[in-house]
């Protein structure tokens, strides 16, 4: 059986550790600012963060307000 695409399957989307970390930060009400919060996001640059957020939005975990 073929694996579902990351953007169509919630479980595949949250399989990535950085995405789970981002969900945790957002769930705790923290603002996700990769440039200012370098201690927990040292390897997460803006394009990478955008990619992960796009995946989380596409599967319905994150919404924009």
N, C-alpha and C. Protein backbone atom coordinates (compact mmCIF):
# COMPACT_ATOMS: atom_id res chain seq x y z
N UNK A 1 0.85 -1.17 0.00
CA UNK A 1 0.00 0.00 0.00
C UNK A 1 0.90 1.24 0.00
N UNK A 2 0.57 2.19 -0.84
CA UNK A 2 1.36 3.41 -0.94
C UNK A 2 1.12 4.31 0.27
N UNK A 3 2.16 5.00 0.65
CA UNK A 3 2.06 5.93 1.77
C UNK A 3 1.31 7.20 1.34
N UNK A 4 0.44 7.71 2.20
CA UNK A 4 -0.32 8.93 1.90
C UNK A 4 0.61 10.13 1.88
N UNK A 5 0.26 11.10 1.08
CA UNK A 5 1.06 12.32 1.00
C UNK A 5 1.03 13.06 2.33
N UNK A 6 2.14 13.72 2.64
CA UNK A 6 2.25 14.46 3.90
C UNK A 6 1.15 15.51 4.04
N UNK A 7 0.74 16.10 2.92
CA UNK A 7 -0.25 17.16 2.99
C UNK A 7 -1.70 16.65 2.98
N UNK A 8 -1.89 15.35 2.92
CA UNK A 8 -3.26 14.83 2.96
C UNK A 8 -3.51 13.94 4.17
N UNK A 9 -2.48 13.60 4.89
CA UNK A 9 -2.62 12.70 6.03
C UNK A 9 -2.04 13.35 7.29
N UNK A 10 -2.88 13.54 8.30
CA UNK A 10 -2.46 14.19 9.54
C UNK A 10 -1.31 13.45 10.20
N UNK A 11 -1.36 12.14 10.22
CA UNK A 11 -0.31 11.37 10.90
C UNK A 11 1.04 11.53 10.21
N UNK A 12 1.04 11.57 8.89
CA UNK A 12 2.30 11.81 8.18
C UNK A 12 2.78 13.24 8.43
N UNK A 13 1.86 14.17 8.52
CA UNK A 13 2.23 15.57 8.75
C UNK A 13 2.90 15.74 10.11
N UNK A 14 2.39 15.07 11.14
CA UNK A 14 2.96 15.25 12.48
C UNK A 14 4.09 14.26 12.78
N UNK A 15 4.44 13.44 11.79
CA UNK A 15 5.57 12.53 11.97
C UNK A 15 6.89 13.29 12.06
N UNK A 16 6.94 14.48 11.51
CA UNK A 16 8.14 15.32 11.53
C UNK A 16 8.29 15.98 12.90
N UNK A 17 9.43 15.81 13.54
CA UNK A 17 9.67 16.31 14.90
C UNK A 17 9.54 17.83 14.99
N UNK A 18 10.03 18.55 14.00
CA UNK A 18 9.95 20.02 14.04
C UNK A 18 8.50 20.48 13.99
N UNK A 19 7.67 19.77 13.23
CA UNK A 19 6.24 20.15 13.18
C UNK A 19 5.58 19.92 14.53
N UNK A 20 5.92 18.83 15.19
CA UNK A 20 5.35 18.59 16.53
C UNK A 20 5.81 19.66 17.50
N UNK A 21 7.07 20.08 17.39
CA UNK A 21 7.58 21.15 18.25
C UNK A 21 6.83 22.46 17.99
N UNK A 22 6.59 22.75 16.73
CA UNK A 22 5.86 23.97 16.38
C UNK A 22 4.43 23.92 16.92
N UNK A 23 3.79 22.77 16.82
CA UNK A 23 2.43 22.61 17.36
C UNK A 23 2.44 22.86 18.86
N UNK A 24 3.44 22.33 19.55
CA UNK A 24 3.55 22.53 21.00
C UNK A 24 3.70 24.00 21.34
N UNK A 25 4.53 24.72 20.61
CA UNK A 25 4.72 26.15 20.88
C UNK A 25 3.44 26.92 20.63
N UNK A 26 2.78 26.63 19.53
CA UNK A 26 1.53 27.33 19.21
C UNK A 26 0.43 26.97 20.19
N UNK A 27 0.40 25.72 20.63
CA UNK A 27 -0.61 25.27 21.59
C UNK A 27 -0.44 25.96 22.95
N UNK A 28 0.79 26.28 23.29
CA UNK A 28 1.06 26.95 24.56
C UNK A 28 0.87 28.46 24.48
N UNK A 29 0.40 28.95 23.34
CA UNK A 29 0.15 30.37 23.18
C UNK A 29 1.39 31.19 22.90
N UNK A 30 2.48 30.53 22.58
CA UNK A 30 3.71 31.25 22.29
C UNK A 30 3.72 31.68 20.83
N UNK A 31 4.26 32.85 20.59
CA UNK A 31 4.38 33.34 19.24
C UNK A 31 5.59 32.66 18.60
N UNK A 32 5.38 32.13 17.43
CA UNK A 32 6.47 31.44 16.73
C UNK A 32 7.21 32.46 15.87
N UNK A 33 8.36 32.89 16.35
CA UNK A 33 9.19 33.84 15.62
C UNK A 33 10.59 33.25 15.55
N UNK A 34 10.90 32.66 14.43
CA UNK A 34 12.16 31.91 14.29
C UNK A 34 13.39 32.80 14.39
N UNK A 35 13.27 34.06 14.07
CA UNK A 35 14.43 34.93 14.12
C UNK A 35 14.75 35.37 15.55
N UNK A 36 13.76 35.53 16.39
CA UNK A 36 13.99 36.00 17.76
C UNK A 36 14.18 34.85 18.74
N UNK A 37 13.50 33.76 18.53
CA UNK A 37 13.54 32.63 19.47
C UNK A 37 14.54 31.60 18.98
N UNK A 38 15.80 31.95 18.96
CA UNK A 38 16.84 31.09 18.41
C UNK A 38 17.16 29.88 19.28
N UNK A 39 16.88 29.93 20.58
CA UNK A 39 17.28 28.83 21.45
C UNK A 39 16.58 27.52 21.09
N UNK A 40 15.31 27.57 20.70
CA UNK A 40 14.62 26.32 20.38
C UNK A 40 14.49 26.08 18.89
N UNK A 41 14.90 27.05 18.09
CA UNK A 41 14.75 26.91 16.64
C UNK A 41 16.04 27.21 15.91
N UNK A 42 17.15 26.76 16.43
CA UNK A 42 18.43 27.10 15.83
C UNK A 42 18.55 26.61 14.40
N UNK A 43 17.96 25.50 14.06
CA UNK A 43 18.06 24.97 12.71
C UNK A 43 16.82 25.23 11.88
N UNK A 44 15.92 26.08 12.34
CA UNK A 44 14.67 26.32 11.64
C UNK A 44 14.67 27.73 11.06
N UNK A 45 14.96 27.83 9.81
CA UNK A 45 14.98 29.11 9.11
C UNK A 45 13.58 29.44 8.59
N UNK A 46 13.37 30.70 8.20
CA UNK A 46 12.04 31.13 7.76
C UNK A 46 11.46 30.28 6.63
N UNK A 47 12.23 29.97 5.57
CA UNK A 47 11.63 29.13 4.52
C UNK A 47 11.21 27.75 5.02
N UNK A 48 12.00 27.19 5.93
CA UNK A 48 11.67 25.88 6.49
C UNK A 48 10.43 25.98 7.37
N UNK A 49 10.36 27.02 8.19
CA UNK A 49 9.19 27.22 9.05
C UNK A 49 7.94 27.41 8.19
N UNK A 50 8.06 28.17 7.12
CA UNK A 50 6.92 28.38 6.21
C UNK A 50 6.44 27.07 5.61
N UNK A 51 7.39 26.25 5.22
CA UNK A 51 7.04 24.95 4.64
C UNK A 51 6.28 24.10 5.66
N UNK A 52 6.79 24.02 6.88
CA UNK A 52 6.13 23.22 7.90
C UNK A 52 4.76 23.78 8.24
N UNK A 53 4.64 25.09 8.35
CA UNK A 53 3.34 25.70 8.64
C UNK A 53 2.35 25.45 7.50
N UNK A 54 2.82 25.49 6.27
CA UNK A 54 1.95 25.23 5.12
C UNK A 54 1.39 23.81 5.20
N UNK A 55 2.23 22.85 5.55
CA UNK A 55 1.77 21.46 5.69
C UNK A 55 0.74 21.36 6.81
N UNK A 56 1.03 21.98 7.95
CA UNK A 56 0.10 21.93 9.09
C UNK A 56 -1.23 22.60 8.76
N UNK A 57 -1.19 23.68 8.00
CA UNK A 57 -2.44 24.34 7.57
C UNK A 57 -3.22 23.44 6.62
N UNK A 58 -2.53 22.82 5.69
CA UNK A 58 -3.18 22.01 4.67
C UNK A 58 -3.94 20.83 5.28
N UNK A 59 -3.40 20.24 6.35
CA UNK A 59 -4.09 19.10 7.00
C UNK A 59 -5.08 19.55 8.07
N UNK A 60 -5.15 20.86 8.32
CA UNK A 60 -6.16 21.38 9.25
C UNK A 60 -5.72 21.47 10.70
N UNK A 61 -4.44 21.30 11.00
CA UNK A 61 -3.98 21.39 12.38
C UNK A 61 -3.81 22.85 12.80
N UNK A 62 -3.38 23.67 11.87
CA UNK A 62 -3.13 25.10 12.14
C UNK A 62 -4.05 25.90 11.22
N UNK A 63 -4.64 26.95 11.78
CA UNK A 63 -5.46 27.87 10.97
C UNK A 63 -4.94 29.28 11.13
N UNK A 64 -5.22 30.10 10.16
CA UNK A 64 -4.84 31.51 10.23
C UNK A 64 -6.04 32.33 10.71
N UNK A 65 -5.74 33.35 11.48
CA UNK A 65 -6.84 34.21 11.93
C UNK A 65 -6.57 35.65 11.56
